[in-house]
Amino acid sequence: MMYGISLLIIEWSHASVFKRNQIKYLIAGVVVGIFGGATTFFPIFGIKIYPFGTYLVPFYVLTVAYAIITYRLMDIEVVIARSSILFCVYSAVLFGCGVAVVSDEAVFAGPVGGQVEFCANGRVCGPVNDSAVYLPVLSAKIRPAAA
């Protein structure tokens, strides 16, 4: 992390004013986030200090978000466009799957009366609620094969 911050500082010294503002907010957010998260290690090493810095970690997110929005740190329009396209595609696929499941239940639940046929070895054995009759027969056929 220190190497990354040192690279940002070196870049800051050679950058334009607009780029300096981007780097300034990024460094500020990273430093606050690092020091905030570092206070959680005190109890691990037996130092009885409450990890108060965890409340500073959200400021990292806020400062980087501010730099992204105000100083166009990243090309956020591309990210938003790709995310919305991905959301639309996933929504269409999930909606299609949901329609298929609902229509499948409506087609098969009506005529059969809610009973699903149980099939074993290519033979239709009967409704599921009659499985007590067919279970001993099927288990007798399976037992010799497993032994």
N, C-alpha and C. Protein backbone atom coordinates (compact mmCIF):
# COMPACT_ATOMS: atom_id res chain seq x y z
N MET A 1 0.82 -1.19 0.00
CA MET A 1 0.00 0.00 0.00
C MET A 1 0.87 1.25 0.00
N MET A 2 1.94 1.18 0.76
CA MET A 2 2.82 2.35 0.82
C MET A 2 3.46 2.61 -0.55
N TYR A 3 3.77 1.55 -1.29
CA TYR A 3 4.34 1.72 -2.61
C TYR A 3 3.34 2.40 -3.54
N GLY A 4 2.08 1.99 -3.46
CA GLY A 4 1.05 2.62 -4.28
C GLY A 4 0.86 4.09 -3.95
N ILE A 5 0.87 4.39 -2.66
CA ILE A 5 0.73 5.80 -2.25
C ILE A 5 1.95 6.61 -2.71
N SER A 6 3.14 6.01 -2.62
CA SER A 6 4.33 6.74 -3.08
C SER A 6 4.28 6.99 -4.59
N LEU A 7 3.75 6.04 -5.36
CA LEU A 7 3.57 6.27 -6.79
C LEU A 7 2.57 7.38 -7.06
N LEU A 8 1.51 7.44 -6.26
CA LEU A 8 0.54 8.53 -6.41
C LEU A 8 1.17 9.88 -6.09
N ILE A 9 2.01 9.92 -5.07
CA ILE A 9 2.66 11.19 -4.70
C ILE A 9 3.63 11.63 -5.79
N ILE A 10 4.36 10.67 -6.35
CA ILE A 10 5.27 11.01 -7.46
C ILE A 10 4.47 11.52 -8.66
N GLU A 11 3.39 10.87 -8.97
CA GLU A 11 2.54 11.32 -10.08
C GLU A 11 1.94 12.69 -9.79
N TRP A 12 1.60 12.93 -8.54
CA TRP A 12 1.00 14.22 -8.15
C TRP A 12 1.97 15.38 -8.43
N SER A 13 3.26 15.15 -8.21
CA SER A 13 4.22 16.23 -8.41
C SER A 13 4.39 16.61 -9.88
N HIS A 14 4.07 15.73 -10.80
CA HIS A 14 4.23 16.00 -12.23
C HIS A 14 2.91 16.27 -12.95
N ALA A 15 1.81 16.19 -12.24
CA ALA A 15 0.49 16.23 -12.89
C ALA A 15 -0.03 17.65 -13.06
N SER A 16 -1.07 17.75 -13.90
CA SER A 16 -1.75 19.04 -14.08
C SER A 16 -2.63 19.31 -12.86
N VAL A 17 -3.21 20.49 -12.81
CA VAL A 17 -4.04 20.88 -11.66
C VAL A 17 -5.24 19.95 -11.52
N PHE A 18 -5.89 19.63 -12.63
CA PHE A 18 -7.06 18.77 -12.59
C PHE A 18 -6.68 17.37 -12.09
N LYS A 19 -5.57 16.84 -12.59
CA LYS A 19 -5.11 15.51 -12.17
C LYS A 19 -4.65 15.54 -10.71
N ARG A 20 -4.09 16.67 -10.28
CA ARG A 20 -3.67 16.79 -8.87
C ARG A 20 -4.86 16.69 -7.93
N ASN A 21 -5.99 17.30 -8.31
CA ASN A 21 -7.18 17.21 -7.47
C ASN A 21 -7.68 15.77 -7.39
N GLN A 22 -7.64 15.05 -8.49
CA GLN A 22 -8.02 13.64 -8.47
C GLN A 22 -7.15 12.85 -7.50
N ILE A 23 -5.85 13.03 -7.66
CA ILE A 23 -4.89 12.28 -6.83
C ILE A 23 -5.01 12.69 -5.36
N LYS A 24 -5.24 13.97 -5.11
CA LYS A 24 -5.35 14.47 -3.73
C LYS A 24 -6.49 13.77 -3.00
N TYR A 25 -7.67 13.70 -3.63
CA TYR A 25 -8.81 13.05 -2.97
C TYR A 25 -8.61 11.55 -2.85
N LEU A 26 -7.95 10.96 -3.83
CA LEU A 26 -7.69 9.53 -3.76
C LEU A 26 -6.72 9.20 -2.62
N ILE A 27 -5.66 9.97 -2.50
CA ILE A 27 -4.71 9.75 -1.41
C ILE A 27 -5.36 10.00 -0.06
N ALA A 28 -6.14 11.05 0.06
CA ALA A 28 -6.83 11.33 1.33
C ALA A 28 -7.74 10.18 1.72
N GLY A 29 -8.50 9.68 0.77
CA GLY A 29 -9.39 8.56 1.07
C GLY A 29 -8.64 7.31 1.47
N VAL A 30 -7.55 7.02 0.76
CA VAL A 30 -6.77 5.82 1.06
C VAL A 30 -6.13 5.92 2.44
N VAL A 31 -5.57 7.08 2.76
CA VAL A 31 -4.92 7.24 4.07
C VAL A 31 -5.92 7.11 5.20
N VAL A 32 -7.09 7.74 5.06
CA VAL A 32 -8.12 7.62 6.10
C VAL A 32 -8.58 6.17 6.22
N GLY A 33 -8.77 5.49 5.10
CA GLY A 33 -9.19 4.09 5.14
C GLY A 33 -8.15 3.18 5.76
N ILE A 34 -6.87 3.42 5.44
CA ILE A 34 -5.81 2.58 6.01
C ILE A 34 -5.71 2.78 7.52
N PHE A 35 -5.69 4.04 7.96
CA PHE A 35 -5.57 4.28 9.41
C PHE A 35 -6.83 3.84 10.15
N GLY A 36 -7.96 3.97 9.50
CA GLY A 36 -9.19 3.50 10.14
C GLY A 36 -9.21 2.00 10.30
N GLY A 37 -8.79 1.29 9.26
CA GLY A 37 -8.76 -0.16 9.33
C GLY A 37 -7.64 -0.70 10.20
N ALA A 38 -6.55 0.05 10.31
CA ALA A 38 -5.40 -0.41 11.10
C ALA A 38 -5.71 -0.46 12.59
N THR A 39 -6.66 0.32 13.05
CA THR A 39 -6.96 0.31 14.48
C THR A 39 -7.65 -0.98 14.92
N THR A 40 -8.11 -1.79 13.96
CA THR A 40 -8.73 -3.06 14.35
C THR A 40 -7.69 -4.10 14.76
N PHE A 41 -6.40 -3.84 14.51
CA PHE A 41 -5.36 -4.79 14.89
C PHE A 41 -4.90 -4.64 16.34
N PHE A 42 -5.23 -3.55 16.99
CA PHE A 42 -4.80 -3.35 18.38
C PHE A 42 -5.27 -4.47 19.31
N PRO A 43 -6.54 -4.86 19.31
CA PRO A 43 -6.96 -5.94 20.21
C PRO A 43 -6.29 -7.28 19.90
N ILE A 44 -5.90 -7.50 18.66
CA ILE A 44 -5.24 -8.76 18.31
C ILE A 44 -3.89 -8.87 18.99
N PHE A 45 -3.19 -7.75 19.11
CA PHE A 45 -1.87 -7.75 19.73
C PHE A 45 -1.94 -7.48 21.23
N GLY A 46 -3.11 -7.53 21.81
CA GLY A 46 -3.26 -7.38 23.25
C GLY A 46 -3.30 -5.95 23.74
N ILE A 47 -3.33 -4.99 22.84
CA ILE A 47 -3.43 -3.58 23.23
C ILE A 47 -4.91 -3.26 23.43
N LYS A 48 -5.26 -2.85 24.63
CA LYS A 48 -6.67 -2.66 24.96
C LYS A 48 -7.15 -1.27 24.56
N ILE A 49 -7.26 -1.09 23.24
CA ILE A 49 -7.79 0.14 22.68
C ILE A 49 -8.97 -0.25 21.80
N TYR A 50 -10.07 0.44 21.99
CA TYR A 50 -11.24 0.17 21.16
C TYR A 50 -10.94 0.53 19.70
N PRO A 51 -11.30 -0.30 18.75
CA PRO A 51 -11.01 0.00 17.33
C PRO A 51 -11.92 1.10 16.79
N PHE A 52 -11.67 2.31 17.24
CA PHE A 52 -12.49 3.47 16.87
C PHE A 52 -12.37 3.83 15.40
N GLY A 53 -11.29 3.42 14.78
CA GLY A 53 -11.03 3.79 13.39
C GLY A 53 -11.96 3.13 12.38
N THR A 54 -12.67 2.09 12.81
CA THR A 54 -13.59 1.45 11.87
C THR A 54 -14.68 2.41 11.44
N TYR A 55 -14.93 3.42 12.24
CA TYR A 55 -15.93 4.42 11.85
C TYR A 55 -15.39 5.38 10.79
N LEU A 56 -14.08 5.37 10.58
CA LEU A 56 -13.48 6.23 9.56
C LEU A 56 -13.45 5.58 8.18
N VAL A 57 -13.59 4.27 8.13
CA VAL A 57 -13.50 3.55 6.85
C VAL A 57 -14.54 4.03 5.84
N PRO A 58 -15.80 4.32 6.23
CA PRO A 58 -16.75 4.83 5.23
C PRO A 58 -16.31 6.16 4.59
N PHE A 59 -15.48 6.93 5.28
CA PHE A 59 -15.00 8.18 4.68
C PHE A 59 -14.09 7.91 3.47
N TYR A 60 -13.43 6.75 3.48
CA TYR A 60 -12.65 6.35 2.31
C TYR A 60 -13.57 6.21 1.10
N VAL A 61 -14.67 5.52 1.29
CA VAL A 61 -15.63 5.32 0.20
C VAL A 61 -16.19 6.67 -0.26
N LEU A 62 -16.52 7.53 0.69
CA LEU A 62 -17.11 8.82 0.33
C LEU A 62 -16.13 9.71 -0.43
N THR A 63 -14.86 9.75 0.00
CA THR A 63 -13.91 10.61 -0.69
C THR A 63 -13.57 10.09 -2.08
N VAL A 64 -13.45 8.78 -2.23
CA VAL A 64 -13.19 8.22 -3.55
C VAL A 64 -14.41 8.40 -4.45
N ALA A 65 -15.61 8.23 -3.91
CA ALA A 65 -16.82 8.48 -4.70
C ALA A 65 -16.90 9.94 -5.13
N TYR A 66 -16.53 10.84 -4.24
CA TYR A 66 -16.51 12.26 -4.58
C TYR A 66 -15.51 12.54 -5.71
N ALA A 67 -14.34 11.93 -5.62
CA ALA A 67 -13.33 12.12 -6.67
C ALA A 67 -13.79 11.52 -7.99
N ILE A 68 -14.49 10.39 -7.94
CA ILE A 68 -14.99 9.77 -9.17
C ILE A 68 -16.04 10.65 -9.82
N ILE A 69 -16.95 11.17 -9.02
CA ILE A 69 -18.06 11.94 -9.58
C ILE A 69 -17.61 13.35 -9.99
N THR A 70 -16.93 14.05 -9.11
CA THR A 70 -16.58 15.45 -9.36
C THR A 70 -15.44 15.59 -10.36
N TYR A 71 -14.38 14.83 -10.17
CA TYR A 71 -13.19 15.00 -11.00
C TYR A 71 -13.04 13.91 -12.06
N ARG A 72 -14.08 13.14 -12.29
CA ARG A 72 -14.09 12.09 -13.31
C ARG A 72 -12.84 11.21 -13.20
N LEU A 73 -12.66 10.67 -12.01
CA LEU A 73 -11.51 9.81 -11.75
C LEU A 73 -11.56 8.57 -12.64
N MET A 74 -12.76 8.06 -12.87
CA MET A 74 -12.96 6.94 -13.78
C MET A 74 -14.03 7.34 -14.78
N ASP A 75 -14.11 6.62 -15.86
CA ASP A 75 -15.15 6.90 -16.85
C ASP A 75 -16.43 6.22 -16.36
N ILE A 76 -17.13 6.88 -15.46
CA ILE A 76 -18.28 6.30 -14.78
C ILE A 76 -19.45 6.08 -15.73
N GLU A 77 -19.52 6.85 -16.82
CA GLU A 77 -20.63 6.67 -17.77
C GLU A 77 -20.56 5.29 -18.42
N VAL A 78 -19.35 4.82 -18.72
CA VAL A 78 -19.18 3.50 -19.32
C VAL A 78 -19.61 2.42 -18.33
N VAL A 79 -19.22 2.59 -17.07
CA VAL A 79 -19.59 1.62 -16.05
C VAL A 79 -21.11 1.57 -15.87
N ILE A 80 -21.75 2.73 -15.83
CA ILE A 80 -23.21 2.77 -15.68
C ILE A 80 -23.89 2.15 -16.90
N ALA A 81 -23.40 2.44 -18.10
CA ALA A 81 -24.01 1.88 -19.31
C ALA A 81 -23.88 0.37 -19.34
N ARG A 82 -22.69 -0.14 -19.04
CA ARG A 82 -22.50 -1.60 -19.05
C ARG A 82 -23.33 -2.27 -17.96
N SER A 83 -23.40 -1.65 -16.79
CA SER A 83 -24.18 -2.23 -15.71
C SER A 83 -25.66 -2.27 -16.05
N SER A 84 -26.17 -1.22 -16.67
CA SER A 84 -27.59 -1.21 -17.01
C SER A 84 -27.89 -2.21 -18.11
N ILE A 85 -26.99 -2.40 -19.08
CA ILE A 85 -27.20 -3.42 -20.10
C ILE A 85 -27.19 -4.81 -19.48
N LEU A 86 -26.24 -5.06 -18.58
CA LEU A 86 -26.17 -6.35 -17.90
C LEU A 86 -27.41 -6.59 -17.07
N PHE A 87 -27.90 -5.57 -16.39
CA PHE A 87 -29.12 -5.69 -15.60
C PHE A 87 -30.31 -6.05 -16.48
N CYS A 88 -30.43 -5.39 -17.63
CA CYS A 88 -31.56 -5.67 -18.54
C CYS A 88 -31.49 -7.11 -19.08
N VAL A 89 -30.30 -7.56 -19.44
CA VAL A 89 -30.16 -8.93 -19.95
C VAL A 89 -30.50 -9.95 -18.87
N TYR A 90 -29.96 -9.76 -17.67
CA TYR A 90 -30.27 -10.69 -16.58
C TYR A 90 -31.75 -10.67 -16.23
N SER A 91 -32.36 -9.49 -16.24
CA SER A 91 -33.79 -9.40 -15.93
C SER A 91 -34.61 -10.14 -16.97
N ALA A 92 -34.25 -10.00 -18.23
CA ALA A 92 -35.00 -10.69 -19.29
C ALA A 92 -34.86 -12.21 -19.16
N VAL A 93 -33.65 -12.68 -18.86
CA VAL A 93 -33.45 -14.12 -18.71
C VAL A 93 -34.21 -14.65 -17.51
N LEU A 94 -34.11 -13.97 -16.38
CA LEU A 94 -34.81 -14.43 -15.18
C LEU A 94 -36.31 -14.34 -15.35
N PHE A 95 -36.79 -13.30 -16.03
CA PHE A 95 -38.22 -13.18 -16.28
C PHE A 95 -38.69 -14.33 -17.17
N GLY A 96 -37.90 -14.66 -18.18
CA GLY A 96 -38.25 -15.77 -19.05
C GLY A 96 -38.29 -17.10 -18.31
N CYS A 97 -37.32 -17.31 -17.42
CA CYS A 97 -37.31 -18.54 -16.61
C CYS A 97 -38.52 -18.58 -15.69
N GLY A 98 -38.86 -17.45 -15.10
CA GLY A 98 -40.03 -17.40 -14.22
C GLY A 98 -41.31 -17.69 -14.96
N VAL A 99 -41.45 -17.15 -16.17
CA VAL A 99 -42.64 -17.42 -16.97
C VAL A 99 -42.71 -18.89 -17.33
N ALA A 100 -41.56 -19.48 -17.67
CA ALA A 100 -41.55 -20.90 -18.02
C ALA A 100 -41.95 -21.78 -16.84
N VAL A 101 -41.49 -21.45 -15.66
CA VAL A 101 -41.84 -22.24 -14.48
C VAL A 101 -43.32 -22.10 -14.15
N VAL A 102 -43.82 -20.87 -14.18
CA VAL A 102 -45.23 -20.65 -13.84
C VAL A 102 -46.14 -21.31 -14.88
N SER A 103 -45.81 -21.18 -16.16
CA SER A 103 -46.66 -21.79 -17.19
C SER A 103 -46.57 -23.31 -17.13
N ASP A 104 -45.42 -23.84 -16.78
CA ASP A 104 -45.25 -25.29 -16.65
C ASP A 104 -46.13 -25.82 -15.53
N GLU A 105 -46.16 -25.13 -14.39
CA GLU A 105 -47.02 -25.55 -13.29
C GLU A 105 -48.49 -25.46 -13.67
N ALA A 106 -48.86 -24.43 -14.41
CA ALA A 106 -50.26 -24.28 -14.80
C ALA A 106 -50.67 -25.37 -15.77
N VAL A 107 -49.77 -25.78 -16.67
CA VAL A 107 -50.11 -26.80 -17.65
C VAL A 107 -50.23 -28.17 -17.00
N PHE A 108 -49.29 -28.53 -16.12
CA PHE A 108 -49.27 -29.88 -15.58
C PHE A 108 -50.09 -30.04 -14.31
N ALA A 109 -50.40 -28.98 -13.61
CA ALA A 109 -51.16 -29.11 -12.37
C ALA A 109 -52.64 -29.30 -12.64
N GLY A 110 -53.17 -28.73 -13.71
CA GLY A 110 -54.60 -28.80 -13.98
C GLY A 110 -55.09 -30.18 -14.34
N PRO A 111 -54.66 -30.76 -15.49
CA PRO A 111 -55.23 -32.03 -15.93
C PRO A 111 -54.90 -33.20 -15.01
N VAL A 112 -53.72 -33.19 -14.40
CA VAL A 112 -53.32 -34.31 -13.57
C VAL A 112 -53.91 -34.19 -12.17
N GLY A 113 -54.34 -33.01 -11.81
CA GLY A 113 -54.91 -32.80 -10.48
C GLY A 113 -53.85 -32.62 -9.42
N GLY A 114 -52.67 -32.15 -9.81
CA GLY A 114 -51.62 -31.87 -8.84
C GLY A 114 -50.75 -33.06 -8.51
N GLN A 115 -51.04 -34.25 -9.10
CA GLN A 115 -50.25 -35.43 -8.81
C GLN A 115 -49.22 -35.62 -9.91
N VAL A 116 -47.99 -35.78 -9.53
CA VAL A 116 -46.91 -35.97 -10.49
C VAL A 116 -46.66 -37.47 -10.62
N GLU A 117 -46.50 -37.92 -11.84
CA GLU A 117 -46.26 -39.34 -12.06
C GLU A 117 -44.81 -39.69 -11.72
N PHE A 118 -44.62 -40.80 -11.06
CA PHE A 118 -43.30 -41.25 -10.66
C PHE A 118 -42.82 -42.26 -11.68
N CYS A 119 -41.64 -42.06 -12.23
CA CYS A 119 -41.15 -42.92 -13.30
C CYS A 119 -39.84 -43.55 -12.87
N ALA A 120 -39.73 -44.87 -13.02
CA ALA A 120 -38.49 -45.57 -12.70
C ALA A 120 -38.24 -46.62 -13.77
N ASN A 121 -37.02 -46.71 -14.23
CA ASN A 121 -36.63 -47.67 -15.27
C ASN A 121 -37.48 -47.54 -16.52
N GLY A 122 -37.93 -46.36 -16.85
CA GLY A 122 -38.69 -46.14 -18.07
C GLY A 122 -40.16 -46.55 -17.96
N ARG A 123 -40.59 -47.00 -16.78
CA ARG A 123 -41.99 -47.40 -16.60
C ARG A 123 -42.69 -46.38 -15.74
N VAL A 124 -43.92 -46.08 -16.05
CA VAL A 124 -44.72 -45.19 -15.23
C VAL A 124 -45.32 -46.04 -14.13
N CYS A 125 -44.98 -45.74 -12.90
CA CYS A 125 -45.38 -46.57 -11.77
C CYS A 125 -46.68 -46.10 -11.14
N GLY A 126 -47.01 -44.85 -11.26
CA GLY A 126 -48.24 -44.35 -10.65
C GLY A 126 -47.99 -43.05 -9.95
N PRO A 127 -49.02 -42.51 -9.32
CA PRO A 127 -48.86 -41.24 -8.62
C PRO A 127 -47.88 -41.36 -7.45
N VAL A 128 -47.33 -40.23 -7.05
CA VAL A 128 -46.35 -40.20 -5.96
C VAL A 128 -46.96 -40.70 -4.66
N ASN A 129 -48.25 -40.40 -4.41
CA ASN A 129 -48.83 -40.81 -3.15
C ASN A 129 -49.02 -42.33 -3.07
N ASP A 130 -48.81 -43.07 -4.16
CA ASP A 130 -48.86 -44.53 -4.13
C ASP A 130 -47.45 -45.12 -4.07
N SER A 131 -46.47 -44.33 -3.75
CA SER A 131 -45.08 -44.79 -3.74
C SER A 131 -44.83 -45.84 -2.67
N ALA A 132 -45.69 -45.92 -1.65
CA ALA A 132 -45.51 -46.94 -0.62
C ALA A 132 -45.68 -48.33 -1.20
N VAL A 133 -46.45 -48.44 -2.26
CA VAL A 133 -46.64 -49.73 -2.90
C VAL A 133 -45.44 -50.08 -3.76
N TYR A 134 -44.88 -49.11 -4.44
CA TYR A 134 -43.82 -49.38 -5.40
C TYR A 134 -42.42 -49.29 -4.80
N LEU A 135 -42.26 -48.66 -3.66
CA LEU A 135 -40.94 -48.50 -3.07
C LEU A 135 -40.29 -49.83 -2.70
N PRO A 136 -41.01 -50.79 -2.06
CA PRO A 136 -40.36 -52.07 -1.78
C PRO A 136 -39.94 -52.83 -3.04
N VAL A 137 -40.74 -52.72 -4.09
CA VAL A 137 -40.40 -53.42 -5.34
C VAL A 137 -39.14 -52.81 -5.96
N LEU A 138 -39.09 -51.48 -6.00
CA LEU A 138 -37.92 -50.81 -6.56
C LEU A 138 -36.67 -51.05 -5.72
N SER A 139 -36.80 -51.02 -4.41
CA SER A 139 -35.63 -51.24 -3.55
C SER A 139 -35.13 -52.67 -3.66
N ALA A 140 -36.03 -53.64 -3.89
CA ALA A 140 -35.61 -55.03 -4.08
C ALA A 140 -34.82 -55.17 -5.38
N LYS A 141 -35.18 -54.38 -6.40
CA LYS A 141 -34.45 -54.44 -7.65
C LYS A 141 -33.09 -53.78 -7.55
N ILE A 142 -32.99 -52.76 -6.71
CA ILE A 142 -31.74 -52.02 -6.57
C ILE A 142 -30.75 -52.74 -5.68
N ARG A 143 -31.25 -53.42 -4.63
CA ARG A 143 -30.39 -54.07 -3.64
C ARG A 143 -29.44 -55.09 -4.26
N PRO A 144 -29.88 -56.02 -5.12
CA PRO A 144 -28.92 -56.97 -5.67
C PRO A 144 -27.86 -56.31 -6.56
N ALA A 145 -28.22 -55.21 -7.20
CA ALA A 145 -27.25 -54.53 -8.06
C ALA A 145 -26.16 -53.87 -7.23
N ALA A 146 -26.53 -53.38 -6.03
CA ALA A 146 -25.56 -52.72 -5.17
C ALA A 146 -24.67 -53.69 -4.44
N ALA A 147 -25.13 -54.93 -4.23
CA ALA A 147 -24.37 -55.91 -3.46
C ALA A 147 -23.27 -56.56 -4.21
